[in-house]
Amino acid sequence: MSRFKLVFFSPVPSTQRVLQHLFATFPRHVGRIGLYGGCAFVTRGTGQFMPLEGASPAIGTVGAQEYVEEDRVEVVVSETYEGGERVEMRCVLDVLKKVHPYEEVAYDVYRLEDF
């Protein structure tokens, strides 16, 4: 079984909607730790960006620096689960990008090791 930690950044009003969609779409793969589901760690901070020419920002204006209260969201993603069901990390990322409000989603993926 391959396990990853997915970290993404979301504007505060959208965080729970994005998380709940991922949990509902992949209940055995996203946010599942042992006998617990819907697990995530969320921390608050300020994101900044400047939409460049050609961008269609959900928040902000092209050419102007923007500061947004965002959540850093961390969830565990398992590519396989008991019973042989398989969901690849790419599928989870595709769904994240579709449900997330930003035109460009900032995210990191870390492979986890078993010890």
PDB file of N, CA and C in Angstrom:
ATOM      1  N   MET A   1       0.835  -1.176   0.000  1.00  0.00           N
ATOM      2  CA  MET A   1       0.000   0.000   0.000  1.00  0.00           C
ATOM      3  C   MET A   1       0.881   1.241   0.000  1.00  0.00           C
ATOM      4  N   SER A   2       0.657   2.148  -0.911  1.00  0.00           N
ATOM      5  CA  SER A   2       1.365   3.429  -0.945  1.00  0.00           C
ATOM      6  C   SER A   2       0.539   4.455  -0.192  1.00  0.00           C
ATOM      7  N   ARG A   3       1.221   5.210   0.687  1.00  0.00           N
ATOM      8  CA  ARG A   3       0.541   6.258   1.440  1.00  0.00           C
ATOM      9  C   ARG A   3       1.246   7.582   1.203  1.00  0.00           C
ATOM     10  N   PHE A   4       0.449   8.620   1.136  1.00  0.00           N
ATOM     11  CA  PHE A   4       0.955   9.964   0.873  1.00  0.00           C
ATOM     12  C   PHE A   4       0.312  10.940   1.847  1.00  0.00           C
ATOM     13  N   LYS A   5       0.965  12.083   2.021  1.00  0.00           N
ATOM     14  CA  LYS A   5       0.326  13.205   2.688  1.00  0.00           C
ATOM     15  C   LYS A   5       0.106  14.265   1.613  1.00  0.00           C
ATOM     16  N   LEU A   6      -1.126  14.671   1.459  1.00  0.00           N
ATOM     17  CA  LEU A   6      -1.493  15.734   0.545  1.00  0.00           C
ATOM     18  C   LEU A   6      -1.673  17.005   1.359  1.00  0.00           C
ATOM     19  N   VAL A   7      -0.972  18.054   0.962  1.00  0.00           N
ATOM     20  CA  VAL A   7      -1.084  19.360   1.601  1.00  0.00           C
ATOM     21  C   VAL A   7      -1.573  20.332   0.534  1.00  0.00           C
ATOM     22  N   PHE A   8      -2.652  21.045   0.838  1.00  0.00           N
ATOM     23  CA  PHE A   8      -3.125  22.059  -0.110  1.00  0.00           C
ATOM     24  C   PHE A   8      -3.585  23.282   0.663  1.00  0.00           C
ATOM     25  N   PHE A   9      -3.742  24.374  -0.050  1.00  0.00           N
ATOM     26  CA  PHE A   9      -4.110  25.648   0.550  1.00  0.00           C
ATOM     27  C   PHE A   9      -5.445  26.077  -0.029  1.00  0.00           C
ATOM     28  N   SER A  10      -6.324  26.553   0.840  1.00  0.00           N
ATOM     29  CA  SER A  10      -7.685  26.884   0.433  1.00  0.00           C
ATOM     30  C   SER A  10      -8.130  28.170   1.106  1.00  0.00           C
ATOM     31  N   PRO A  11      -8.910  29.017   0.399  1.00  0.00           N
ATOM     32  CA  PRO A  11      -9.486  30.164   1.091  1.00  0.00           C
ATOM     33  C   PRO A  11     -10.414  29.631   2.193  1.00  0.00           C
ATOM     34  N   VAL A  12     -10.394  30.257   3.345  1.00  0.00           N
ATOM     35  CA  VAL A  12     -11.107  29.755   4.522  1.00  0.00           C
ATOM     36  C   VAL A  12     -12.562  29.378   4.240  1.00  0.00           C
ATOM     37  N   PRO A  13     -13.341  30.205   3.535  1.00  0.00           N
ATOM     38  CA  PRO A  13     -14.751  29.835   3.338  1.00  0.00           C
ATOM     39  C   PRO A  13     -14.948  28.550   2.509  1.00  0.00           C
ATOM     40  N   SER A  14     -13.937  28.112   1.784  1.00  0.00           N
ATOM     41  CA  SER A  14     -14.069  26.935   0.910  1.00  0.00           C
ATOM     42  C   SER A  14     -13.488  25.657   1.502  1.00  0.00           C
ATOM     43  N   THR A  15     -12.733  25.756   2.572  1.00  0.00           N
ATOM     44  CA  THR A  15     -11.978  24.607   3.078  1.00  0.00           C
ATOM     45  C   THR A  15     -12.864  23.403   3.380  1.00  0.00           C
ATOM     46  N   GLN A  16     -13.889  23.581   4.174  1.00  0.00           N
ATOM     47  CA  GLN A  16     -14.713  22.432   4.558  1.00  0.00           C
ATOM     48  C   GLN A  16     -15.465  21.840   3.376  1.00  0.00           C
ATOM     49  N   ARG A  17     -15.899  22.662   2.442  1.00  0.00           N
ATOM     50  CA  ARG A  17     -16.580  22.142   1.246  1.00  0.00           C
ATOM     51  C   ARG A  17     -15.636  21.261   0.443  1.00  0.00           C
ATOM     52  N   VAL A  18     -14.386  21.719   0.252  1.00  0.00           N
ATOM     53  CA  VAL A  18     -13.397  20.935  -0.499  1.00  0.00           C
ATOM     54  C   VAL A  18     -13.090  19.636   0.242  1.00  0.00           C
ATOM     55  N   LEU A  19     -12.834  19.719   1.543  1.00  0.00           N
ATOM     56  CA  LEU A  19     -12.524  18.525   2.335  1.00  0.00           C
ATOM     57  C   LEU A  19     -13.677  17.522   2.304  1.00  0.00           C
ATOM     58  N   GLN A  20     -14.889  17.987   2.541  1.00  0.00           N
ATOM     59  CA  GLN A  20     -16.040  17.071   2.575  1.00  0.00           C
ATOM     60  C   GLN A  20     -16.256  16.397   1.227  1.00  0.00           C
ATOM     61  N   HIS A  21     -15.972  17.109   0.156  1.00  0.00           N
ATOM     62  CA  HIS A  21     -16.090  16.506  -1.180  1.00  0.00           C
ATOM     63  C   HIS A  21     -15.053  15.393  -1.353  1.00  0.00           C
ATOM     64  N   LEU A  22     -13.817  15.650  -0.950  1.00  0.00           N
ATOM     65  CA  LEU A  22     -12.768  14.624  -1.050  1.00  0.00           C
ATOM     66  C   LEU A  22     -13.105  13.413  -0.177  1.00  0.00           C
ATOM     67  N   PHE A  23     -13.574  13.656   1.048  1.00  0.00           N
ATOM     68  CA  PHE A  23     -13.932  12.548   1.944  1.00  0.00           C
ATOM     69  C   PHE A  23     -15.079  11.726   1.357  1.00  0.00           C
ATOM     70  N   ALA A  24     -16.078  12.392   0.789  1.00  0.00           N
ATOM     71  CA  ALA A  24     -17.238  11.691   0.232  1.00  0.00           C
ATOM     72  C   ALA A  24     -16.877  10.914  -1.031  1.00  0.00           C
ATOM     73  N   THR A  25     -15.990  11.478  -1.842  1.00  0.00           N
ATOM     74  CA  THR A  25     -15.598  10.834  -3.100  1.00  0.00           C
ATOM     75  C   THR A  25     -14.666   9.653  -2.856  1.00  0.00           C
ATOM     76  N   PHE A  26     -13.777   9.780  -1.879  1.00  0.00           N
ATOM     77  CA  PHE A  26     -12.776   8.741  -1.595  1.00  0.00           C
ATOM     78  C   PHE A  26     -12.800   8.366  -0.103  1.00  0.00           C
ATOM     79  N   PRO A  27     -13.902   7.825   0.404  1.00  0.00           N
ATOM     80  CA  PRO A  27     -14.017   7.590   1.851  1.00  0.00           C
ATOM     81  C   PRO A  27     -13.013   6.587   2.412  1.00  0.00           C
ATOM     82  N   ARG A  28     -12.499   5.705   1.599  1.00  0.00           N
ATOM     83  CA  ARG A  28     -11.518   4.716   2.068  1.00  0.00           C
ATOM     84  C   ARG A  28     -10.083   5.120   1.769  1.00  0.00           C
ATOM     85  N   HIS A  29      -9.907   6.259   1.119  1.00  0.00           N
ATOM     86  CA  HIS A  29      -8.576   6.637   0.650  1.00  0.00           C
ATOM     87  C   HIS A  29      -8.082   7.991   1.147  1.00  0.00           C
ATOM     88  N   VAL A  30      -8.984   8.933   1.366  1.00  0.00           N
ATOM     89  CA  VAL A  30      -8.582  10.278   1.791  1.00  0.00           C
ATOM     90  C   VAL A  30      -9.045  10.508   3.224  1.00  0.00           C
ATOM     91  N   GLY A  31      -8.097  10.868   4.095  1.00  0.00           N
ATOM     92  CA  GLY A  31      -8.436  11.166   5.477  1.00  0.00           C
ATOM     93  C   GLY A  31      -8.759   9.945   6.317  1.00  0.00           C
ATOM     94  N   ARG A  32      -8.328   8.796   5.887  1.00  0.00           N
ATOM     95  CA  ARG A  32      -8.581   7.548   6.630  1.00  0.00           C
ATOM     96  C   ARG A  32      -7.305   7.155   7.368  1.00  0.00           C
ATOM     97  N   ILE A  33      -7.392   7.066   8.702  1.00  0.00           N
ATOM     98  CA  ILE A  33      -6.262   6.636   9.525  1.00  0.00           C
ATOM     99  C   ILE A  33      -6.790   5.545  10.442  1.00  0.00           C
ATOM    100  N   GLY A  34      -6.432   4.306  10.154  1.00  0.00           N
ATOM    101  CA  GLY A  34      -6.927   3.175  10.932  1.00  0.00           C
ATOM    102  C   GLY A  34      -8.438   3.118  10.887  1.00  0.00           C
ATOM    103  N   LEU A  35      -9.064   3.134  12.051  1.00  0.00           N
ATOM    104  CA  LEU A  35     -10.523   3.050  12.145  1.00  0.00           C
ATOM    105  C   LEU A  35     -11.178   4.429  12.245  1.00  0.00           C
ATOM    106  N   TYR A  36     -10.477   5.460  11.781  1.00  0.00           N
ATOM    107  CA  TYR A  36     -11.001   6.824  11.797  1.00  0.00           C
ATOM    108  C   TYR A  36     -11.059   7.373  10.380  1.00  0.00           C
ATOM    109  N   GLY A  37     -12.154   8.037  10.061  1.00  0.00           N
ATOM    110  CA  GLY A  37     -12.305   8.667   8.756  1.00  0.00           C
ATOM    111  C   GLY A  37     -12.444  10.168   8.907  1.00  0.00           C
ATOM    112  N   GLY A  38     -12.359  10.874   7.810  1.00  0.00           N
ATOM    113  CA  GLY A  38     -12.511  12.320   7.824  1.00  0.00           C
ATOM    114  C   GLY A  38     -11.426  13.037   8.604  1.00  0.00           C
ATOM    115  N   CYS A  39     -10.225  12.450   8.634  1.00  0.00           N
ATOM    116  CA  CYS A  39      -9.121  13.043   9.401  1.00  0.00           C
ATOM    117  C   CYS A  39      -8.380  14.086   8.557  1.00  0.00           C
ATOM    118  N   ALA A  40      -8.106  15.221   9.157  1.00  0.00           N
ATOM    119  CA  ALA A  40      -7.331  16.278   8.503  1.00  0.00           C
ATOM    120  C   ALA A  40      -6.744  17.173   9.579  1.00  0.00           C
ATOM    121  N   PHE A  41      -5.691  17.877   9.223  1.00  0.00           N
ATOM    122  CA  PHE A  41      -5.132  18.904  10.093  1.00  0.00           C
ATOM    123  C   PHE A  41      -5.208  20.209   9.320  1.00  0.00           C
ATOM    124  N   VAL A  42      -5.793  21.224   9.929  1.00  0.00           N
ATOM    125  CA  VAL A  42      -6.024  22.501   9.252  1.00  0.00           C
ATOM    126  C   VAL A  42      -5.414  23.620  10.096  1.00  0.00           C
ATOM    127  N   THR A  43      -4.559  24.424   9.466  1.00  0.00           N
ATOM    128  CA  THR A  43      -3.983  25.585  10.144  1.00  0.00           C
ATOM    129  C   THR A  43      -4.253  26.830   9.313  1.00  0.00           C
ATOM    130  N   ARG A  44      -4.420  27.943   9.974  1.00  0.00           N
ATOM    131  CA  ARG A  44      -4.776  29.203   9.334  1.00  0.00           C
ATOM    132  C   ARG A  44      -3.546  30.043   9.084  1.00  0.00           C
ATOM    133  N   GLY A  45      -3.543  30.783   7.971  1.00  0.00           N
ATOM    134  CA  GLY A  45      -2.449  31.684   7.652  1.00  0.00           C
ATOM    135  C   GLY A  45      -2.872  32.651   6.563  1.00  0.00           C
ATOM    136  N   THR A  46      -1.922  33.411   6.073  1.00  0.00           N
ATOM    137  CA  THR A  46      -2.193  34.372   5.009  1.00  0.00           C
ATOM    138  C   THR A  46      -1.424  33.974   3.761  1.00  0.00           C
ATOM    139  N   GLY A  47      -2.151  33.767   2.676  1.00  0.00           N
ATOM    140  CA  GLY A  47      -1.533  33.485   1.384  1.00  0.00           C
ATOM    141  C   GLY A  47      -1.428  34.772   0.589  1.00  0.00           C
ATOM    142  N   GLN A  48      -0.469  34.807  -0.314  1.00  0.00           N
ATOM    143  CA  GLN A  48      -0.350  35.980  -1.172  1.00  0.00           C
ATOM    144  C   GLN A  48      -0.042  35.541  -2.591  1.00  0.00           C
ATOM    145  N   PHE A  49      -0.529  36.320  -3.548  1.00  0.00           N
ATOM    146  CA  PHE A  49      -0.293  36.035  -4.958  1.00  0.00           C
ATOM    147  C   PHE A  49      -0.644  37.270  -5.777  1.00  0.00           C
ATOM    148  N   MET A  50      -0.133  37.312  -7.010  1.00  0.00           N
ATOM    149  CA  MET A  50      -0.497  38.356  -7.944  1.00  0.00           C
ATOM    150  C   MET A  50      -0.914  37.698  -9.255  1.00  0.00           C
ATOM    151  N   PRO A  51      -2.197  37.790  -9.613  1.00  0.00           N
ATOM    152  CA  PRO A  51      -2.630  37.249 -10.894  1.00  0.00           C
ATOM    153  C   PRO A  51      -1.922  37.979 -12.049  1.00  0.00           C
ATOM    154  N   LEU A  52      -1.353  37.204 -12.951  1.00  0.00           N
ATOM    155  CA  LEU A  52      -0.651  37.781 -14.101  1.00  0.00           C
ATOM    156  C   LEU A  52      -1.584  37.868 -15.300  1.00  0.00           C
ATOM    157  N   GLU A  53      -1.148  38.595 -16.317  1.00  0.00           N
ATOM    158  CA  GLU A  53      -1.934  38.776 -17.531  1.00  0.00           C
ATOM    159  C   GLU A  53      -2.392  37.420 -18.063  1.00  0.00           C
ATOM    160  N   GLY A  54      -3.683  37.315 -18.376  1.00  0.00           N
ATOM    161  CA  GLY A  54      -4.254  36.072 -18.897  1.00  0.00           C
ATOM    162  C   GLY A  54      -4.910  35.215 -17.829  1.00  0.00           C
ATOM    163  N   ALA A  55      -4.662  35.520 -16.548  1.00  0.00           N
ATOM    164  CA  ALA A  55      -5.273  34.756 -15.449  1.00  0.00           C
ATOM    165  C   ALA A  55      -6.736  35.155 -15.293  1.00  0.00           C
ATOM    166  N   SER A  56      -7.520  34.221 -14.757  1.00  0.00           N
ATOM    167  CA  SER A  56      -8.922  34.483 -14.411  1.00  0.00           C
ATOM    168  C   SER A  56      -9.092  34.188 -12.927  1.00  0.00           C
ATOM    169  N   PRO A  57      -8.618  35.082 -12.057  1.00  0.00           N
ATOM    170  CA  PRO A  57      -8.596  34.785 -10.623  1.00  0.00           C
ATOM    171  C   PRO A  57      -9.993  34.719 -10.003  1.00  0.00           C
ATOM    172  N   ALA A  58     -10.179  33.753  -9.112  1.00  0.00           N
ATOM    173  CA  ALA A  58     -11.424  33.652  -8.344  1.00  0.00           C
ATOM    174  C   ALA A  58     -11.469  34.773  -7.303  1.00  0.00           C
ATOM    175  N   ILE A  59     -10.288  35.179  -6.846  1.00  0.00           N
ATOM    176  CA  ILE A  59     -10.151  36.257  -5.864  1.00  0.00           C
ATOM    177  C   ILE A  59      -9.053  37.185  -6.384  1.00  0.00           C
ATOM    178  N   GLY A  60      -9.275  38.482  -6.314  1.00  0.00           N
ATOM    179  CA  GLY A  60      -8.236  39.433  -6.701  1.00  0.00           C
ATOM    180  C   GLY A  60      -8.397  39.951  -8.121  1.00  0.00           C
ATOM    181  N   THR A  61      -7.418  40.781  -8.517  1.00  0.00           N
ATOM    182  CA  THR A  61      -7.430  41.455  -9.810  1.00  0.00           C
ATOM    183  C   THR A  61      -6.098  41.251 -10.493  1.00  0.00           C
ATOM    184  N   VAL A  62      -6.124  41.042 -11.806  1.00  0.00           N
ATOM    185  CA  VAL A  62      -4.897  40.875 -12.578  1.00  0.00           C
ATOM    186  C   VAL A  62      -3.990  42.085 -12.344  1.00  0.00           C
ATOM    187  N   GLY A  63      -2.727  41.798 -12.017  1.00  0.00           N
ATOM    188  CA  GLY A  63      -1.729  42.844 -11.824  1.00  0.00           C
ATOM    189  C   GLY A  63      -1.663  43.435 -10.421  1.00  0.00           C
ATOM    190  N   ALA A  64      -2.540  42.988  -9.527  1.00  0.00           N
ATOM    191  CA  ALA A  64      -2.542  43.535  -8.159  1.00  0.00           C
ATOM    192  C   ALA A  64      -2.209  42.429  -7.158  1.00  0.00           C
ATOM    193  N   GLN A  65      -1.292  42.734  -6.242  1.00  0.00           N
ATOM    194  CA  GLN A  65      -0.952  41.779  -5.193  1.00  0.00           C
ATOM    195  C   GLN A  65      -2.173  41.553  -4.314  1.00  0.00           C
ATOM    196  N   GLU A  66      -2.439  40.306  -3.987  1.00  0.00           N
ATOM    197  CA  GLU A  66      -3.607  39.950  -3.177  1.00  0.00           C
ATOM    198  C   GLU A  66      -3.158  39.178  -1.942  1.00  0.00           C
ATOM    199  N   TYR A  67      -3.815  39.424  -0.826  1.00  0.00           N
ATOM    200  CA  TYR A  67      -3.551  38.713   0.425  1.00  0.00           C
ATOM    201  C   TYR A  67      -4.867  38.086   0.865  1.00  0.00           C
ATOM    202  N   VAL A  68      -4.835  36.778   1.133  1.00  0.00           N
ATOM    203  CA  VAL A  68      -6.062  36.045   1.441  1.00  0.00           C
ATOM    204  C   VAL A  68      -5.862  35.192   2.683  1.00  0.00           C
ATOM    205  N   GLU A  69      -6.844  35.221   3.583  1.00  0.00           N
ATOM    206  CA  GLU A  69      -6.808  34.311   4.723  1.00  0.00           C
ATOM    207  C   GLU A  69      -7.101  32.912   4.199  1.00  0.00           C
ATOM    208  N   GLU A  70      -6.131  32.024   4.370  1.00  0.00           N
ATOM    209  CA  GLU A  70      -6.233  30.670   3.832  1.00  0.00           C
ATOM    210  C   GLU A  70      -5.974  29.636   4.918  1.00  0.00           C
ATOM    211  N   ASP A  71      -6.424  28.418   4.623  1.00  0.00           N
ATOM    212  CA  ASP A  71      -6.111  27.272   5.460  1.00  0.00           C
ATOM    213  C   ASP A  71      -5.085  26.406   4.750  1.00  0.00           C
ATOM    214  N   ARG A  72      -4.134  25.904   5.528  1.00  0.00           N
ATOM    215  CA  ARG A  72      -3.228  24.859   5.064  1.00  0.00           C
ATOM    216  C   ARG A  72      -3.880  23.558   5.533  1.00  0.00           C
ATOM    217  N   VAL A  73      -4.194  22.686   4.595  1.00  0.00           N
ATOM    218  CA  VAL A  73      -4.903  21.452   4.891  1.00  0.00           C
ATOM    219  C   VAL A  73      -3.972  20.277   4.628  1.00  0.00           C
ATOM    220  N   GLU A  74      -3.878  19.360   5.609  1.00  0.00           N
ATOM    221  CA  GLU A  74      -3.057  18.162   5.473  1.00  0.00           C
ATOM    222  C   GLU A  74      -3.951  16.939   5.641  1.00  0.00           C
ATOM    223  N   VAL A  75      -3.914  16.026   4.667  1.00  0.00           N
ATOM    224  CA  VAL A  75      -4.672  14.776   4.746  1.00  0.00           C
ATOM    225  C   VAL A  75      -3.805  13.628   4.252  1.00  0.00           C
ATOM    226  N   VAL A  76      -4.044  12.454   4.826  1.00  0.00           N
ATOM    227  CA  VAL A  76      -3.365  11.241   4.382  1.00  0.00           C
ATOM    228  C   VAL A  76      -4.171  10.645   3.230  1.00  0.00           C
ATOM    229  N   VAL A  77      -3.464  10.186   2.202  1.00  0.00           N
ATOM    230  CA  VAL A  77      -4.100   9.526   1.063  1.00  0.00           C
ATOM    231  C   VAL A  77      -3.456   8.157   0.890  1.00  0.00           C
ATOM    232  N   SER A  78      -4.284   7.109   0.867  1.00  0.00           N
ATOM    233  CA  SER A  78      -3.807   5.745   0.641  1.00  0.00           C
ATOM    234  C   SER A  78      -4.206   5.323  -0.767  1.00  0.00           C
ATOM    235  N   GLU A  79      -3.225   4.867  -1.539  1.00  0.00           N
ATOM    236  CA  GLU A  79      -3.546   4.449  -2.909  1.00  0.00           C
ATOM    237  C   GLU A  79      -4.254   3.099  -2.954  1.00  0.00           C
ATOM    238  N   THR A  80      -4.065   2.271  -1.963  1.00  0.00           N
ATOM    239  CA  THR A  80      -4.782   1.004  -1.930  1.00  0.00           C
ATOM    240  C   THR A  80      -5.408   0.821  -0.558  1.00  0.00           C
ATOM    241  N   TYR A  81      -6.367  -0.055  -0.490  1.00  0.00           N
ATOM    242  CA  TYR A  81      -7.070  -0.331   0.757  1.00  0.00           C
ATOM    243  C   TYR A  81      -7.432  -1.802   0.791  1.00  0.00           C
ATOM    244  N   GLU A  82      -7.711  -2.334   1.967  1.00  0.00           N
ATOM    245  CA  GLU A  82      -8.099  -3.730   2.094  1.00  0.00           C
ATOM    246  C   GLU A  82      -9.192  -4.071   1.087  1.00  0.00           C
ATOM    247  N   GLY A  83      -9.116  -5.244   0.523  1.00  0.00           N
ATOM    248  CA  GLY A  83     -10.089  -5.663  -0.472  1.00  0.00           C
ATOM    249  C   GLY A  83      -9.632  -5.376  -1.887  1.00  0.00           C
ATOM    250  N   GLY A  84      -8.461  -4.771  -2.032  1.00  0.00           N
ATOM    251  CA  GLY A  84      -7.881  -4.565  -3.348  1.00  0.00           C
ATOM    252  C   GLY A  84      -8.360  -3.337  -4.098  1.00  0.00           C
ATOM    253  N   GLU A  85      -9.265  -2.538  -3.528  1.00  0.00           N
ATOM    254  CA  GLU A  85      -9.717  -1.335  -4.211  1.00  0.00           C
ATOM    255  C   GLU A  85      -8.543  -0.373  -4.359  1.00  0.00           C
ATOM    256  N   ARG A  86      -8.390   0.213  -5.546  1.00  0.00           N
ATOM    257  CA  ARG A  86      -7.250   1.089  -5.792  1.00  0.00           C
ATOM    258  C   ARG A  86      -7.709   2.441  -6.344  1.00  0.00           C
ATOM    259  N   VAL A  87      -7.206   3.474  -5.741  1.00  0.00           N
ATOM    260  CA  VAL A  87      -7.409   4.839  -6.219  1.00  0.00           C
ATOM    261  C   VAL A  87      -6.030   5.466  -6.269  1.00  0.00           C
ATOM    262  N   GLU A  88      -5.647   5.982  -7.424  1.00  0.00           N
ATOM    263  CA  GLU A  88      -4.322   6.587  -7.556  1.00  0.00           C
ATOM    264  C   GLU A  88      -4.338   8.043  -7.097  1.00  0.00           C
ATOM    265  N   MET A  89      -3.196   8.507  -6.630  1.00  0.00           N
ATOM    266  CA  MET A  89      -3.046   9.885  -6.161  1.00  0.00           C
ATOM    267  C   MET A  89      -3.479  10.867  -7.241  1.00  0.00           C
ATOM    268  N   ARG A  90      -3.199  10.538  -8.499  1.00  0.00           N
ATOM    269  CA  ARG A  90      -3.584  11.436  -9.601  1.00  0.00           C
ATOM    270  C   ARG A  90      -5.093  11.658  -9.643  1.00  0.00           C
ATOM    271  N   CYS A  91      -5.871  10.619  -9.325  1.00  0.00           N
ATOM    272  CA  CYS A  91      -7.331  10.751  -9.301  1.00  0.00           C
ATOM    273  C   CYS A  91      -7.763  11.728  -8.212  1.00  0.00           C
ATOM    274  N   VAL A  92      -7.136  11.626  -7.043  1.00  0.00           N
ATOM    275  CA  VAL A  92      -7.450  12.525  -5.933  1.00  0.00           C
ATOM    276  C   VAL A  92      -7.104  13.965  -6.326  1.00  0.00           C
ATOM    277  N   LEU A  93      -5.951  14.159  -6.952  1.00  0.00           N
ATOM    278  CA  LEU A  93      -5.544  15.506  -7.380  1.00  0.00           C
ATOM    279  C   LEU A  93      -6.494  16.060  -8.438  1.00  0.00           C
ATOM    280  N   ASP A  94      -6.942  15.214  -9.361  1.00  0.00           N
ATOM    281  CA  ASP A  94      -7.899  15.666 -10.384  1.00  0.00           C
ATOM    282  C   ASP A  94      -9.183  16.178  -9.736  1.00  0.00           C
ATOM    283  N   VAL A  95      -9.685  15.439  -8.747  1.00  0.00           N
ATOM    284  CA  VAL A  95     -10.912  15.863  -8.058  1.00  0.00           C
ATOM    285  C   VAL A  95     -10.652  17.139  -7.254  1.00  0.00           C
ATOM    286  N   LEU A  96      -9.518  17.217  -6.569  1.00  0.00           N
ATOM    287  CA  LEU A  96      -9.175  18.432  -5.826  1.00  0.00           C
ATOM    288  C   LEU A  96      -9.206  19.643  -6.755  1.00  0.00           C
ATOM    289  N   LYS A  97      -8.584  19.533  -7.916  1.00  0.00           N
ATOM    290  CA  LYS A  97      -8.520  20.662  -8.855  1.00  0.00           C
ATOM    291  C   LYS A  97      -9.899  21.043  -9.376  1.00  0.00           C
ATOM    292  N   LYS A  98     -10.798  20.075  -9.525  1.00  0.00           N
ATOM    293  CA  LYS A  98     -12.153  20.372 -10.031  1.00  0.00           C
ATOM    294  C   LYS A  98     -13.021  21.058  -8.980  1.00  0.00           C
ATOM    295  N   VAL A  99     -12.871  20.677  -7.705  1.00  0.00           N
ATOM    296  CA  VAL A  99     -13.749  21.202  -6.656  1.00  0.00           C
ATOM    297  C   VAL A  99     -13.187  22.463  -5.993  1.00  0.00           C
ATOM    298  N   HIS A 100     -11.895  22.695  -6.115  1.00  0.00           N
ATOM    299  CA  HIS A 100     -11.231  23.843  -5.484  1.00  0.00           C
ATOM    300  C   HIS A 100     -11.599  25.123  -6.229  1.00  0.00           C
ATOM    301  N   PRO A 101     -11.801  26.235  -5.506  1.00  0.00           N
ATOM    302  CA  PRO A 101     -12.218  27.467  -6.183  1.00  0.00           C
ATOM    303  C   PRO A 101     -11.123  28.172  -6.978  1.00  0.00           C
ATOM    304  N   TYR A 102      -9.852  27.897  -6.688  1.00  0.00           N
ATOM    305  CA  TYR A 102      -8.773  28.613  -7.369  1.00  0.00           C
ATOM    306  C   TYR A 102      -8.516  28.047  -8.764  1.00  0.00           C
ATOM    307  N   GLU A 103      -8.128  28.928  -9.665  1.00  0.00           N
ATOM    308  CA  GLU A 103      -7.755  28.537 -11.030  1.00  0.00           C
ATOM    309  C   GLU A 103      -6.505  27.649 -11.004  1.00  0.00           C
ATOM    310  N   GLU A 104      -5.551  27.993 -10.152  1.00  0.00           N
ATOM    311  CA  GLU A 104      -4.325  27.197  -9.949  1.00  0.00           C
ATOM    312  C   GLU A 104      -4.280  26.796  -8.484  1.00  0.00           C
ATOM    313  N   VAL A 105      -4.323  25.497  -8.221  1.00  0.00           N
ATOM    314  CA  VAL A 105      -4.327  25.009  -6.839  1.00  0.00           C
ATOM    315  C   VAL A 105      -2.891  24.786  -6.379  1.00  0.00           C
ATOM    316  N   ALA A 106      -2.534  25.362  -5.237  1.00  0.00           N
ATOM    317  CA  ALA A 106      -1.215  25.140  -4.649  1.00  0.00           C
ATOM    318  C   ALA A 106      -1.304  23.895  -3.772  1.00  0.00           C
ATOM    319  N   TYR A 107      -0.463  22.890  -4.078  1.00  0.00           N
ATOM    320  CA  TYR A 107      -0.477  21.663  -3.282  1.00  0.00           C
ATOM    321  C   TYR A 107       0.899  21.019  -3.295  1.00  0.00           C
ATOM    322  N   ASP A 108       1.133  20.170  -2.286  1.00  0.00           N
ATOM    323  CA  ASP A 108       2.350  19.364  -2.181  1.00  0.00           C
ATOM    324  C   ASP A 108       1.910  17.932  -1.907  1.00  0.00           C
ATOM    325  N   VAL A 109       2.700  16.976  -2.398  1.00  0.00           N
ATOM    326  CA  VAL A 109       2.448  15.558  -2.127  1.00  0.00           C
ATOM    327  C   VAL A 109       3.737  14.961  -1.571  1.00  0.00           C
ATOM    328  N   TYR A 110       3.623  14.315  -0.415  1.00  0.00           N
ATOM    329  CA  TYR A 110       4.767  13.675   0.237  1.00  0.00           C
ATOM    330  C   TYR A 110       4.494  12.177   0.338  1.00  0.00           C
ATOM    331  N   ARG A 111       5.440  11.361  -0.067  1.00  0.00           N
ATOM    332  CA  ARG A 111       5.317   9.916   0.109  1.00  0.00           C
ATOM    333  C   ARG A 111       5.639   9.589   1.564  1.00  0.00           C
ATOM    334  N   LEU A 112       4.813   8.783   2.205  1.00  0.00           N
ATOM    335  CA  LEU A 112       5.014   8.403   3.597  1.00  0.00           C
ATOM    336  C   LEU A 112       5.640   7.024   3.672  1.00  0.00           C
ATOM    337  N   GLU A 113       6.525   6.846   4.621  1.00  0.00           N
ATOM    338  CA  GLU A 113       7.190   5.562   4.853  1.00  0.00           C
ATOM    339  C   GLU A 113       6.607   4.912   6.082  1.00  0.00           C
ATOM    340  N   ASP A 114       6.518   3.578   6.101  1.00  0.00           N
ATOM    341  CA  ASP A 114       6.088   2.844   7.283  1.00  0.00           C
ATOM    342  C   ASP A 114       7.302   2.528   8.134  1.00  0.00           C
ATOM    343  N   PHE A 115       7.204   2.744   9.434  1.00  0.00           N
ATOM    344  CA  PHE A 115       8.282   2.438  10.362  1.00  0.00           C
ATOM    345  C   PHE A 115       7.773   1.503  11.439  1.00  0.00           C
TER     346      PHE A 115
END
